[in-house]
């Protein structure tokens, strides 16, 4: 991109939202010279001002400043499991990566099965404190069915 006769490198960041029905929407495209908490905070605040009330899972590649910004705007948001695993194995020796990712997969499957059994045993509670668990489980179940 040119500015005052100079070539300036910039990146385009596209934010895509997926609702619980699986519908994808492009929420916006932002141009930035560099990643920073300030940049991501402005993007997330703009989304909030435009009506995005909640982000359940953020799927991002360790963008500089994003974790701090999303924690400020959407404190209940979680990173997607794929990115959590990638971040977990970043400093693991290459020869151990397959073994560790297989173990993490088993842990994830065990947790999901445990949650499923637990929620099938108990009746659906109307207590406000438990609604988030059901909402979060519905999202996780949807994402697993979709292979996300």
N, C-alpha and C. Protein backbone atom coordinates (compact mmCIF):
# COMPACT_ATOMS: atom_id res chain seq x y z
N UNK A 1 0.85 -1.16 0.00
CA UNK A 1 0.00 0.00 0.00
C UNK A 1 0.90 1.23 0.00
N UNK A 2 0.58 2.21 -0.80
CA UNK A 2 1.40 3.41 -0.89
C UNK A 2 0.88 4.54 -0.02
N UNK A 3 1.82 5.27 0.58
CA UNK A 3 1.46 6.43 1.39
C UNK A 3 2.58 7.45 1.24
N UNK A 4 2.25 8.63 0.73
CA UNK A 4 3.22 9.70 0.52
C UNK A 4 4.44 9.22 -0.27
N UNK A 5 4.19 8.44 -1.30
CA UNK A 5 5.27 7.96 -2.14
C UNK A 5 6.06 6.81 -1.55
N UNK A 6 5.68 6.34 -0.37
CA UNK A 6 6.37 5.24 0.31
C UNK A 6 5.50 3.98 0.27
N UNK A 7 6.15 2.84 0.15
CA UNK A 7 5.43 1.58 0.24
C UNK A 7 5.37 1.18 1.71
N UNK A 8 4.17 0.93 2.20
CA UNK A 8 3.96 0.57 3.60
C UNK A 8 3.29 -0.80 3.64
N UNK A 9 3.87 -1.72 4.38
CA UNK A 9 3.25 -3.04 4.55
C UNK A 9 2.11 -2.94 5.54
N UNK A 10 0.98 -3.49 5.16
CA UNK A 10 -0.18 -3.54 6.04
C UNK A 10 -0.82 -4.90 5.89
N UNK A 11 -1.57 -5.27 6.88
CA UNK A 11 -2.28 -6.55 6.85
C UNK A 11 -3.77 -6.29 6.92
N UNK A 12 -4.53 -7.15 6.27
CA UNK A 12 -5.99 -7.09 6.35
C UNK A 12 -6.45 -8.22 7.27
N UNK A 13 -7.22 -7.87 8.28
CA UNK A 13 -7.73 -8.84 9.23
C UNK A 13 -9.23 -8.96 9.04
N UNK A 14 -9.69 -10.18 8.73
CA UNK A 14 -11.11 -10.41 8.53
C UNK A 14 -11.67 -11.12 9.76
N UNK A 15 -12.77 -10.61 10.27
CA UNK A 15 -13.44 -11.22 11.41
C UNK A 15 -14.70 -11.89 10.89
N UNK A 16 -14.80 -13.19 11.14
CA UNK A 16 -15.96 -13.97 10.71
C UNK A 16 -16.65 -14.50 11.96
N UNK A 17 -17.95 -14.33 12.02
CA UNK A 17 -18.74 -14.87 13.12
C UNK A 17 -19.53 -16.07 12.65
N UNK A 18 -19.63 -17.08 13.50
CA UNK A 18 -20.44 -18.26 13.22
C UNK A 18 -21.46 -18.37 14.34
N UNK A 19 -22.76 -18.31 13.98
CA UNK A 19 -23.78 -18.41 15.02
C UNK A 19 -24.05 -19.87 15.35
N UNK A 20 -24.94 -20.11 16.31
CA UNK A 20 -25.19 -21.47 16.77
C UNK A 20 -25.88 -22.33 15.73
N UNK A 21 -26.43 -21.72 14.69
CA UNK A 21 -27.02 -22.48 13.59
C UNK A 21 -25.99 -22.84 12.53
N UNK A 22 -24.76 -22.33 12.67
CA UNK A 22 -23.70 -22.61 11.71
C UNK A 22 -23.60 -21.59 10.60
N UNK A 23 -24.40 -20.53 10.67
CA UNK A 23 -24.35 -19.48 9.65
C UNK A 23 -23.12 -18.62 9.87
N UNK A 24 -22.36 -18.42 8.78
CA UNK A 24 -21.16 -17.59 8.85
C UNK A 24 -21.46 -16.20 8.31
N UNK A 25 -20.96 -15.19 8.99
CA UNK A 25 -21.10 -13.80 8.57
C UNK A 25 -19.75 -13.11 8.67
N UNK A 26 -19.40 -12.34 7.65
CA UNK A 26 -18.21 -11.49 7.73
C UNK A 26 -18.63 -10.27 8.53
N UNK A 27 -18.02 -10.10 9.69
CA UNK A 27 -18.36 -8.99 10.57
C UNK A 27 -17.57 -7.73 10.24
N UNK A 28 -16.49 -7.90 9.50
CA UNK A 28 -15.72 -6.73 9.10
C UNK A 28 -14.32 -7.10 8.66
N UNK A 29 -13.69 -6.15 7.98
CA UNK A 29 -12.29 -6.27 7.57
C UNK A 29 -11.59 -5.02 8.04
N UNK A 30 -10.50 -5.21 8.77
CA UNK A 30 -9.74 -4.09 9.30
C UNK A 30 -8.33 -4.12 8.72
N UNK A 31 -7.81 -2.96 8.39
CA UNK A 31 -6.46 -2.82 7.88
C UNK A 31 -5.59 -2.29 9.01
N UNK A 32 -4.47 -2.97 9.25
CA UNK A 32 -3.58 -2.54 10.32
C UNK A 32 -2.13 -2.64 9.92
N UNK A 33 -1.33 -1.69 10.41
CA UNK A 33 0.11 -1.73 10.15
C UNK A 33 0.79 -2.75 11.04
N UNK A 34 0.28 -2.90 12.26
CA UNK A 34 0.85 -3.89 13.16
C UNK A 34 -0.21 -4.34 14.15
N UNK A 35 0.04 -5.50 14.72
CA UNK A 35 -0.87 -6.03 15.72
C UNK A 35 -0.49 -5.43 17.07
N UNK A 36 -1.50 -5.09 17.83
CA UNK A 36 -1.26 -4.59 19.18
C UNK A 36 -2.55 -4.71 19.97
N UNK A 37 -2.43 -4.65 21.28
CA UNK A 37 -3.62 -4.70 22.12
C UNK A 37 -4.54 -3.53 21.79
N UNK A 38 -3.97 -2.36 21.52
CA UNK A 38 -4.77 -1.18 21.18
C UNK A 38 -5.58 -1.42 19.90
N UNK A 39 -4.94 -2.00 18.88
CA UNK A 39 -5.62 -2.29 17.62
C UNK A 39 -6.78 -3.26 17.85
N UNK A 40 -6.50 -4.38 18.54
CA UNK A 40 -7.53 -5.38 18.76
C UNK A 40 -8.63 -4.87 19.68
N UNK A 41 -8.28 -4.04 20.64
CA UNK A 41 -9.30 -3.47 21.51
C UNK A 41 -10.25 -2.59 20.71
N UNK A 42 -9.72 -1.83 19.76
CA UNK A 42 -10.60 -0.99 18.93
C UNK A 42 -11.50 -1.85 18.05
N UNK A 43 -10.97 -2.95 17.50
CA UNK A 43 -11.79 -3.86 16.68
C UNK A 43 -12.90 -4.48 17.52
N UNK A 44 -12.54 -5.01 18.68
CA UNK A 44 -13.53 -5.68 19.53
C UNK A 44 -14.56 -4.71 20.09
N UNK A 45 -14.13 -3.49 20.43
CA UNK A 45 -15.09 -2.48 20.89
C UNK A 45 -16.05 -2.09 19.77
N UNK A 46 -15.54 -2.00 18.55
CA UNK A 46 -16.42 -1.70 17.42
C UNK A 46 -17.46 -2.81 17.24
N UNK A 47 -17.02 -4.05 17.34
CA UNK A 47 -17.97 -5.17 17.23
C UNK A 47 -19.02 -5.10 18.34
N UNK A 48 -18.58 -4.79 19.54
CA UNK A 48 -19.51 -4.68 20.66
C UNK A 48 -20.51 -3.55 20.43
N UNK A 49 -20.02 -2.41 19.94
CA UNK A 49 -20.90 -1.27 19.66
C UNK A 49 -21.89 -1.57 18.54
N UNK A 50 -21.51 -2.48 17.64
CA UNK A 50 -22.39 -2.85 16.54
C UNK A 50 -23.35 -3.98 16.91
N UNK A 51 -23.27 -4.47 18.16
CA UNK A 51 -24.27 -5.43 18.63
C UNK A 51 -23.79 -6.84 18.88
N UNK A 52 -22.50 -7.13 18.74
CA UNK A 52 -22.00 -8.47 19.07
C UNK A 52 -21.97 -8.56 20.59
N UNK A 53 -22.91 -9.31 21.15
CA UNK A 53 -23.07 -9.36 22.59
C UNK A 53 -22.13 -10.35 23.27
N UNK A 54 -21.78 -11.42 22.57
CA UNK A 54 -21.00 -12.47 23.20
C UNK A 54 -20.13 -13.17 22.17
N UNK A 55 -18.93 -13.53 22.56
CA UNK A 55 -18.06 -14.38 21.75
C UNK A 55 -17.75 -15.59 22.61
N UNK A 56 -18.17 -16.75 22.14
CA UNK A 56 -17.95 -17.96 22.93
C UNK A 56 -16.55 -18.53 22.72
N UNK A 57 -16.13 -18.60 21.45
CA UNK A 57 -14.82 -19.16 21.13
C UNK A 57 -14.14 -18.26 20.11
N UNK A 58 -12.90 -17.88 20.38
CA UNK A 58 -12.11 -17.08 19.44
C UNK A 58 -11.05 -17.99 18.83
N UNK A 59 -11.05 -18.07 17.52
CA UNK A 59 -10.08 -18.90 16.81
C UNK A 59 -9.06 -17.97 16.15
N UNK A 60 -7.95 -17.77 16.83
CA UNK A 60 -6.92 -16.83 16.34
C UNK A 60 -5.54 -17.45 16.51
N UNK A 61 -4.62 -17.02 15.68
CA UNK A 61 -3.25 -17.53 15.71
C UNK A 61 -2.33 -16.66 16.56
N UNK A 62 -2.51 -16.69 17.87
CA UNK A 62 -1.59 -16.01 18.78
C UNK A 62 -1.26 -14.58 18.35
N UNK A 63 -2.26 -13.83 17.94
CA UNK A 63 -2.05 -12.46 17.49
C UNK A 63 -1.62 -11.58 18.65
N UNK A 64 -0.62 -10.76 18.43
CA UNK A 64 -0.08 -9.89 19.47
C UNK A 64 -1.18 -9.00 20.05
N UNK A 65 -1.35 -9.07 21.36
CA UNK A 65 -2.31 -8.22 22.05
C UNK A 65 -3.74 -8.71 22.04
N UNK A 66 -4.04 -9.78 21.28
CA UNK A 66 -5.43 -10.21 21.17
C UNK A 66 -5.96 -10.79 22.47
N UNK A 67 -5.17 -11.62 23.14
CA UNK A 67 -5.63 -12.26 24.38
C UNK A 67 -6.04 -11.23 25.42
N UNK A 68 -5.22 -10.20 25.59
CA UNK A 68 -5.53 -9.16 26.57
C UNK A 68 -6.79 -8.39 26.16
N UNK A 69 -6.92 -8.12 24.87
CA UNK A 69 -8.05 -7.33 24.39
C UNK A 69 -9.36 -8.08 24.50
N UNK A 70 -9.36 -9.35 24.14
CA UNK A 70 -10.61 -10.11 24.22
C UNK A 70 -11.01 -10.33 25.67
N UNK A 71 -10.02 -10.49 26.56
CA UNK A 71 -10.33 -10.64 27.98
C UNK A 71 -10.99 -9.38 28.53
N UNK A 72 -10.61 -8.22 27.99
CA UNK A 72 -11.20 -6.96 28.44
C UNK A 72 -12.62 -6.77 27.90
N UNK A 73 -12.85 -7.12 26.64
CA UNK A 73 -14.15 -6.89 26.00
C UNK A 73 -15.14 -8.03 26.22
N UNK A 74 -14.66 -9.23 26.13
CA UNK A 74 -15.50 -10.43 26.23
C UNK A 74 -14.82 -11.41 27.19
N UNK A 75 -14.95 -11.18 28.49
CA UNK A 75 -14.19 -11.97 29.47
C UNK A 75 -14.53 -13.46 29.49
N UNK A 76 -15.68 -13.86 28.97
CA UNK A 76 -16.05 -15.27 28.98
C UNK A 76 -15.61 -16.02 27.73
N UNK A 77 -15.01 -15.32 26.77
CA UNK A 77 -14.58 -15.96 25.52
C UNK A 77 -13.44 -16.93 25.80
N UNK A 78 -13.41 -18.00 25.02
CA UNK A 78 -12.35 -19.00 25.13
C UNK A 78 -11.64 -19.12 23.80
N UNK A 79 -10.37 -19.55 23.85
CA UNK A 79 -9.66 -19.86 22.61
C UNK A 79 -10.17 -21.20 22.11
N UNK A 80 -10.14 -21.39 20.80
CA UNK A 80 -10.57 -22.69 20.27
C UNK A 80 -9.55 -23.75 20.67
N UNK A 81 -10.00 -24.99 20.74
CA UNK A 81 -9.16 -26.08 21.22
C UNK A 81 -7.94 -26.29 20.33
N UNK A 82 -8.09 -26.10 19.02
CA UNK A 82 -6.96 -26.30 18.11
C UNK A 82 -5.83 -25.33 18.45
N UNK A 83 -6.19 -24.07 18.69
CA UNK A 83 -5.16 -23.08 19.01
C UNK A 83 -4.59 -23.30 20.41
N UNK A 84 -5.42 -23.79 21.33
CA UNK A 84 -4.89 -24.11 22.65
C UNK A 84 -3.86 -25.23 22.55
N UNK A 85 -4.16 -26.23 21.73
CA UNK A 85 -3.21 -27.34 21.55
C UNK A 85 -1.94 -26.84 20.88
N UNK A 86 -2.08 -26.04 19.82
CA UNK A 86 -0.90 -25.50 19.13
C UNK A 86 -0.02 -24.71 20.09
N UNK A 87 -0.66 -23.88 20.92
CA UNK A 87 0.11 -23.09 21.88
C UNK A 87 0.76 -23.98 22.94
N UNK A 88 0.11 -25.09 23.29
CA UNK A 88 0.66 -26.01 24.29
C UNK A 88 1.90 -26.72 23.80
N UNK A 89 1.96 -27.01 22.49
CA UNK A 89 3.09 -27.79 21.97
C UNK A 89 4.17 -26.93 21.33
N UNK A 90 4.04 -25.64 21.42
CA UNK A 90 4.99 -24.73 20.79
C UNK A 90 6.44 -25.02 21.17
N UNK A 91 6.68 -25.35 22.43
CA UNK A 91 8.05 -25.55 22.90
C UNK A 91 8.41 -27.02 23.12
N UNK A 92 7.58 -27.90 22.57
CA UNK A 92 7.82 -29.34 22.71
C UNK A 92 8.72 -29.81 21.59
N UNK A 93 9.60 -30.72 21.90
CA UNK A 93 10.49 -31.30 20.89
C UNK A 93 9.64 -31.96 19.79
N UNK A 94 10.07 -31.79 18.54
CA UNK A 94 9.31 -32.32 17.40
C UNK A 94 9.03 -33.81 17.54
N UNK A 95 9.98 -34.56 18.07
CA UNK A 95 9.81 -36.01 18.19
C UNK A 95 8.71 -36.38 19.19
N UNK A 96 8.32 -35.46 20.07
CA UNK A 96 7.29 -35.73 21.08
C UNK A 96 5.92 -35.17 20.71
N UNK A 97 5.83 -34.41 19.64
CA UNK A 97 4.58 -33.72 19.30
C UNK A 97 3.42 -34.69 19.10
N UNK A 98 3.61 -35.75 18.32
CA UNK A 98 2.52 -36.70 18.06
C UNK A 98 2.03 -37.35 19.35
N UNK A 99 2.96 -37.72 20.21
CA UNK A 99 2.60 -38.37 21.46
C UNK A 99 1.79 -37.42 22.35
N UNK A 100 2.22 -36.18 22.43
CA UNK A 100 1.54 -35.21 23.30
C UNK A 100 0.18 -34.82 22.73
N UNK A 101 0.09 -34.59 21.42
CA UNK A 101 -1.21 -34.23 20.85
C UNK A 101 -2.20 -35.39 20.98
N UNK A 102 -1.73 -36.62 20.87
CA UNK A 102 -2.61 -37.78 21.07
C UNK A 102 -3.12 -37.81 22.51
N UNK A 103 -2.24 -37.52 23.46
CA UNK A 103 -2.65 -37.50 24.87
C UNK A 103 -3.65 -36.38 25.13
N UNK A 104 -3.41 -35.20 24.55
CA UNK A 104 -4.35 -34.08 24.72
C UNK A 104 -5.70 -34.40 24.10
N UNK A 105 -5.69 -35.10 22.98
CA UNK A 105 -6.95 -35.51 22.34
C UNK A 105 -7.73 -36.45 23.27
N UNK A 106 -7.04 -37.39 23.90
CA UNK A 106 -7.70 -38.32 24.82
C UNK A 106 -8.29 -37.57 26.02
N UNK A 107 -7.57 -36.59 26.52
CA UNK A 107 -8.07 -35.78 27.63
C UNK A 107 -9.34 -35.05 27.21
N UNK A 108 -9.31 -34.44 26.03
CA UNK A 108 -10.47 -33.70 25.52
C UNK A 108 -11.67 -34.64 25.37
N UNK A 109 -11.47 -35.81 24.78
CA UNK A 109 -12.56 -36.77 24.59
C UNK A 109 -13.12 -37.21 25.94
N UNK A 110 -12.24 -37.47 26.91
CA UNK A 110 -12.68 -37.89 28.24
C UNK A 110 -13.53 -36.80 28.89
N UNK A 111 -13.09 -35.56 28.81
CA UNK A 111 -13.84 -34.44 29.40
C UNK A 111 -15.20 -34.31 28.75
N UNK A 112 -15.25 -34.39 27.43
CA UNK A 112 -16.52 -34.25 26.72
C UNK A 112 -17.48 -35.36 27.11
N UNK A 113 -16.99 -36.60 27.18
CA UNK A 113 -17.85 -37.72 27.58
C UNK A 113 -18.34 -37.54 29.00
N UNK A 114 -17.47 -37.08 29.89
CA UNK A 114 -17.86 -36.87 31.29
C UNK A 114 -18.95 -35.80 31.39
N UNK A 115 -18.78 -34.70 30.68
CA UNK A 115 -19.79 -33.64 30.69
C UNK A 115 -21.11 -34.16 30.14
N UNK A 116 -21.04 -34.92 29.06
CA UNK A 116 -22.25 -35.45 28.43
C UNK A 116 -23.00 -36.36 29.40
N UNK A 117 -22.29 -37.26 30.07
CA UNK A 117 -22.92 -38.17 31.03
C UNK A 117 -23.51 -37.38 32.18
N UNK A 118 -22.77 -36.43 32.71
CA UNK A 118 -23.25 -35.63 33.83
C UNK A 118 -24.53 -34.88 33.47
N UNK A 119 -24.56 -34.26 32.30
CA UNK A 119 -25.74 -33.49 31.92
C UNK A 119 -26.91 -34.38 31.55
N UNK A 120 -26.68 -35.62 31.18
CA UNK A 120 -27.78 -36.53 30.89
C UNK A 120 -28.40 -37.08 32.17
N UNK A 121 -27.64 -37.11 33.26
CA UNK A 121 -28.14 -37.63 34.53
C UNK A 121 -29.07 -36.62 35.21
N UNK A 122 -28.65 -35.36 35.23
CA UNK A 122 -29.39 -34.35 35.97
C UNK A 122 -30.40 -33.65 35.07
N UNK A 123 -31.56 -33.28 35.65
CA UNK A 123 -32.53 -32.52 34.85
C UNK A 123 -31.98 -31.14 34.53
N UNK A 124 -32.47 -30.57 33.47
CA UNK A 124 -32.00 -29.25 33.04
C UNK A 124 -32.37 -28.22 34.12
N UNK A 125 -31.37 -27.67 34.79
CA UNK A 125 -31.66 -26.72 35.88
C UNK A 125 -32.05 -25.35 35.35
N UNK A 126 -32.84 -24.66 36.10
CA UNK A 126 -33.23 -23.30 35.73
C UNK A 126 -32.42 -22.26 36.50
N UNK A 127 -31.50 -22.72 37.32
CA UNK A 127 -30.67 -21.79 38.07
C UNK A 127 -29.77 -21.01 37.12
N UNK A 128 -29.72 -19.72 37.28
CA UNK A 128 -28.95 -18.86 36.38
C UNK A 128 -27.48 -19.27 36.31
N UNK A 129 -26.91 -19.67 37.42
CA UNK A 129 -25.50 -20.04 37.44
C UNK A 129 -25.17 -21.26 36.61
N UNK A 130 -26.16 -22.11 36.34
CA UNK A 130 -25.91 -23.33 35.57
C UNK A 130 -26.25 -23.17 34.09
N UNK A 131 -26.96 -22.13 33.73
CA UNK A 131 -27.34 -21.94 32.32
C UNK A 131 -26.13 -21.81 31.42
N UNK A 132 -25.09 -21.14 31.90
CA UNK A 132 -23.89 -20.97 31.10
C UNK A 132 -23.24 -22.30 30.74
N UNK A 133 -23.32 -23.26 31.67
CA UNK A 133 -22.76 -24.59 31.37
C UNK A 133 -23.51 -25.23 30.22
N UNK A 134 -24.84 -25.13 30.26
CA UNK A 134 -25.62 -25.72 29.18
C UNK A 134 -25.38 -25.00 27.87
N UNK A 135 -25.33 -23.68 27.92
CA UNK A 135 -25.07 -22.91 26.70
C UNK A 135 -23.70 -23.26 26.14
N UNK A 136 -22.69 -23.31 27.01
CA UNK A 136 -21.35 -23.65 26.56
C UNK A 136 -21.26 -25.07 26.03
N UNK A 137 -21.96 -26.01 26.68
CA UNK A 137 -21.94 -27.38 26.20
C UNK A 137 -22.61 -27.48 24.84
N UNK A 138 -23.72 -26.77 24.65
CA UNK A 138 -24.38 -26.78 23.35
C UNK A 138 -23.46 -26.27 22.26
N UNK A 139 -22.69 -25.24 22.56
CA UNK A 139 -21.75 -24.70 21.58
C UNK A 139 -20.65 -25.71 21.29
N UNK A 140 -20.09 -26.32 22.34
CA UNK A 140 -19.02 -27.30 22.14
C UNK A 140 -19.53 -28.49 21.33
N UNK A 141 -20.73 -28.94 21.66
CA UNK A 141 -21.32 -30.08 20.95
C UNK A 141 -21.53 -29.73 19.47
N UNK A 142 -22.04 -28.52 19.21
CA UNK A 142 -22.24 -28.06 17.83
C UNK A 142 -20.92 -28.02 17.08
N UNK A 143 -19.90 -27.45 17.69
CA UNK A 143 -18.60 -27.34 17.03
C UNK A 143 -17.99 -28.70 16.76
N UNK A 144 -18.17 -29.64 17.67
CA UNK A 144 -17.64 -30.99 17.45
C UNK A 144 -18.37 -31.67 16.29
N UNK A 145 -19.69 -31.49 16.22
CA UNK A 145 -20.45 -32.08 15.10
C UNK A 145 -20.02 -31.49 13.77
N UNK A 146 -19.71 -30.19 13.77
CA UNK A 146 -19.30 -29.51 12.54
C UNK A 146 -17.82 -29.73 12.22
N UNK A 147 -17.08 -30.32 13.15
CA UNK A 147 -15.65 -30.56 12.94
C UNK A 147 -14.81 -29.31 13.07
N UNK A 148 -15.30 -28.35 13.85
CA UNK A 148 -14.57 -27.08 14.01
C UNK A 148 -13.59 -27.21 15.15
